[in-house]
């Protein structure tokens, strides 16, 4: 299973509530450059930071994440005997 912060979901929520990345960065108390690095995956997302994002955007963690679950034929999910 892979869980990543979705850049598109963050941008969509910002658009829905009518804020820019600059305003979101201000709400989070960080620079736009730092926020951009986090949204683009250059800085890992911690649970603490995800919680801050959710409070700033008034959303749930699942609203910001992409979750990929490996299929049954995925070698990483198969048991070996």
C-alpha atoms as a PDB file:
ATOM      1  CA  UNK A   1       0.000   0.000   0.000  1.00  0.00           C
ATOM      2  CA  UNK A   2       1.256   3.457  -0.893  1.00  0.00           C
ATOM      3  CA  UNK A   3      -0.109   6.641   0.703  1.00  0.00           C
ATOM      4  CA  UNK A   4       0.896  10.026  -0.698  1.00  0.00           C
ATOM      5  CA  UNK A   5      -0.240  13.614  -0.381  1.00  0.00           C
ATOM      6  CA  UNK A   6      -2.195  14.495  -3.523  1.00  0.00           C
ATOM      7  CA  UNK A   7      -1.068  17.767  -5.074  1.00  0.00           C
ATOM      8  CA  UNK A   8      -4.262  17.868  -7.158  1.00  0.00           C
ATOM      9  CA  UNK A   9      -6.524  17.304  -4.163  1.00  0.00           C
ATOM     10  CA  UNK A  10      -4.831  20.110  -2.213  1.00  0.00           C
ATOM     11  CA  UNK A  11      -5.212  22.468  -5.164  1.00  0.00           C
ATOM     12  CA  UNK A  12      -8.860  21.477  -5.687  1.00  0.00           C
ATOM     13  CA  UNK A  13      -9.746  22.093  -2.045  1.00  0.00           C
ATOM     14  CA  UNK A  14      -7.968  25.464  -2.123  1.00  0.00           C
ATOM     15  CA  UNK A  15      -9.993  26.352  -5.213  1.00  0.00           C
ATOM     16  CA  UNK A  16     -13.257  25.196  -3.628  1.00  0.00           C
ATOM     17  CA  UNK A  17     -12.764  27.358  -0.547  1.00  0.00           C
ATOM     18  CA  UNK A  18     -11.331  30.244  -2.556  1.00  0.00           C
ATOM     19  CA  UNK A  19      -7.801  30.538  -1.184  1.00  0.00           C
ATOM     20  CA  UNK A  20      -4.435  30.719  -2.898  1.00  0.00           C
ATOM     21  CA  UNK A  21      -1.285  28.793  -2.049  1.00  0.00           C
ATOM     22  CA  UNK A  22       0.038  32.034  -0.519  1.00  0.00           C
ATOM     23  CA  UNK A  23      -2.951  32.236   1.866  1.00  0.00           C
ATOM     24  CA  UNK A  24      -2.610  28.546   2.750  1.00  0.00           C
ATOM     25  CA  UNK A  25       1.097  29.064   3.500  1.00  0.00           C
ATOM     26  CA  UNK A  26       0.192  31.993   5.767  1.00  0.00           C
ATOM     27  CA  UNK A  27      -2.400  29.867   7.598  1.00  0.00           C
ATOM     28  CA  UNK A  28       0.257  27.206   8.122  1.00  0.00           C
ATOM     29  CA  UNK A  29       2.908  29.702   9.220  1.00  0.00           C
ATOM     30  CA  UNK A  30       5.399  28.772   6.515  1.00  0.00           C
ATOM     31  CA  UNK A  31       6.802  30.167   3.295  1.00  0.00           C
ATOM     32  CA  UNK A  32       5.194  29.461  -0.060  1.00  0.00           C
ATOM     33  CA  UNK A  33       8.410  27.711  -1.123  1.00  0.00           C
ATOM     34  CA  UNK A  34       8.253  25.343   1.867  1.00  0.00           C
ATOM     35  CA  UNK A  35       4.570  24.606   1.234  1.00  0.00           C
ATOM     36  CA  UNK A  36       5.252  23.977  -2.444  1.00  0.00           C
ATOM     37  CA  UNK A  37       8.057  21.546  -1.571  1.00  0.00           C
ATOM     38  CA  UNK A  38       5.733  19.625   0.735  1.00  0.00           C
ATOM     39  CA  UNK A  39       2.841  19.550  -1.734  1.00  0.00           C
ATOM     40  CA  UNK A  40       5.157  18.372  -4.530  1.00  0.00           C
ATOM     41  CA  UNK A  41       6.613  15.575  -2.386  1.00  0.00           C
ATOM     42  CA  UNK A  42      10.129  17.000  -1.979  1.00  0.00           C
ATOM     43  CA  UNK A  43       9.644  17.114   1.809  1.00  0.00           C
ATOM     44  CA  UNK A  44       8.002  14.060   3.417  1.00  0.00           C
ATOM     45  CA  UNK A  45       4.563  14.551   4.958  1.00  0.00           C
ATOM     46  CA  UNK A  46       4.370  13.811   8.679  1.00  0.00           C
ATOM     47  CA  UNK A  47       1.153  13.086  10.541  1.00  0.00           C
ATOM     48  CA  UNK A  48       1.611  16.337  12.466  1.00  0.00           C
ATOM     49  CA  UNK A  49       1.923  18.354   9.275  1.00  0.00           C
ATOM     50  CA  UNK A  50      -1.027  16.535   7.685  1.00  0.00           C
ATOM     51  CA  UNK A  51      -3.118  17.498  10.717  1.00  0.00           C
ATOM     52  CA  UNK A  52      -2.100  21.139  10.333  1.00  0.00           C
ATOM     53  CA  UNK A  53      -3.086  21.035   6.649  1.00  0.00           C
ATOM     54  CA  UNK A  54      -6.469  19.554   7.513  1.00  0.00           C
ATOM     55  CA  UNK A  55      -7.159  22.263  10.084  1.00  0.00           C
ATOM     56  CA  UNK A  56      -6.076  25.003   7.663  1.00  0.00           C
ATOM     57  CA  UNK A  57      -8.294  23.594   4.889  1.00  0.00           C
ATOM     58  CA  UNK A  58     -11.136  22.397   7.149  1.00  0.00           C
ATOM     59  CA  UNK A  59     -11.012  18.882   5.716  1.00  0.00           C
ATOM     60  CA  UNK A  60     -10.197  15.295   6.677  1.00  0.00           C
ATOM     61  CA  UNK A  61      -6.864  13.539   5.984  1.00  0.00           C
ATOM     62  CA  UNK A  62      -8.518  11.279   3.404  1.00  0.00           C
ATOM     63  CA  UNK A  63      -9.487  14.368   1.432  1.00  0.00           C
ATOM     64  CA  UNK A  64      -5.792  15.115   0.842  1.00  0.00           C
ATOM     65  CA  UNK A  65      -4.326  11.655   0.294  1.00  0.00           C
ATOM     66  CA  UNK A  66      -3.992   9.245  -2.617  1.00  0.00           C
ATOM     67  CA  UNK A  67      -4.009   5.620  -1.503  1.00  0.00           C
ATOM     68  CA  UNK A  68      -2.870   2.809  -3.779  1.00  0.00           C
ATOM     69  CA  UNK A  69      -3.477  -0.770  -2.711  1.00  0.00           C
ATOM     70  CA  UNK A  70      -1.546  -3.527  -4.473  1.00  0.00           C
ATOM     71  CA  UNK A  71      -3.585  -6.080  -6.406  1.00  0.00           C
ATOM     72  CA  UNK A  72      -3.820  -9.761  -5.584  1.00  0.00           C
ATOM     73  CA  UNK A  73      -1.187 -10.557  -8.182  1.00  0.00           C
ATOM     74  CA  UNK A  74       1.216  -8.003  -6.689  1.00  0.00           C
ATOM     75  CA  UNK A  75       4.343  -9.909  -5.582  1.00  0.00           C
ATOM     76  CA  UNK A  76       4.653  -7.733  -2.474  1.00  0.00           C
ATOM     77  CA  UNK A  77       1.303  -9.034  -1.171  1.00  0.00           C
ATOM     78  CA  UNK A  78       1.898 -12.732  -1.865  1.00  0.00           C
ATOM     79  CA  UNK A  79       2.932 -15.093   0.900  1.00  0.00           C
ATOM     80  CA  UNK A  80       5.919 -17.278   0.195  1.00  0.00           C
ATOM     81  CA  UNK A  81       6.267 -20.771   1.650  1.00  0.00           C
END
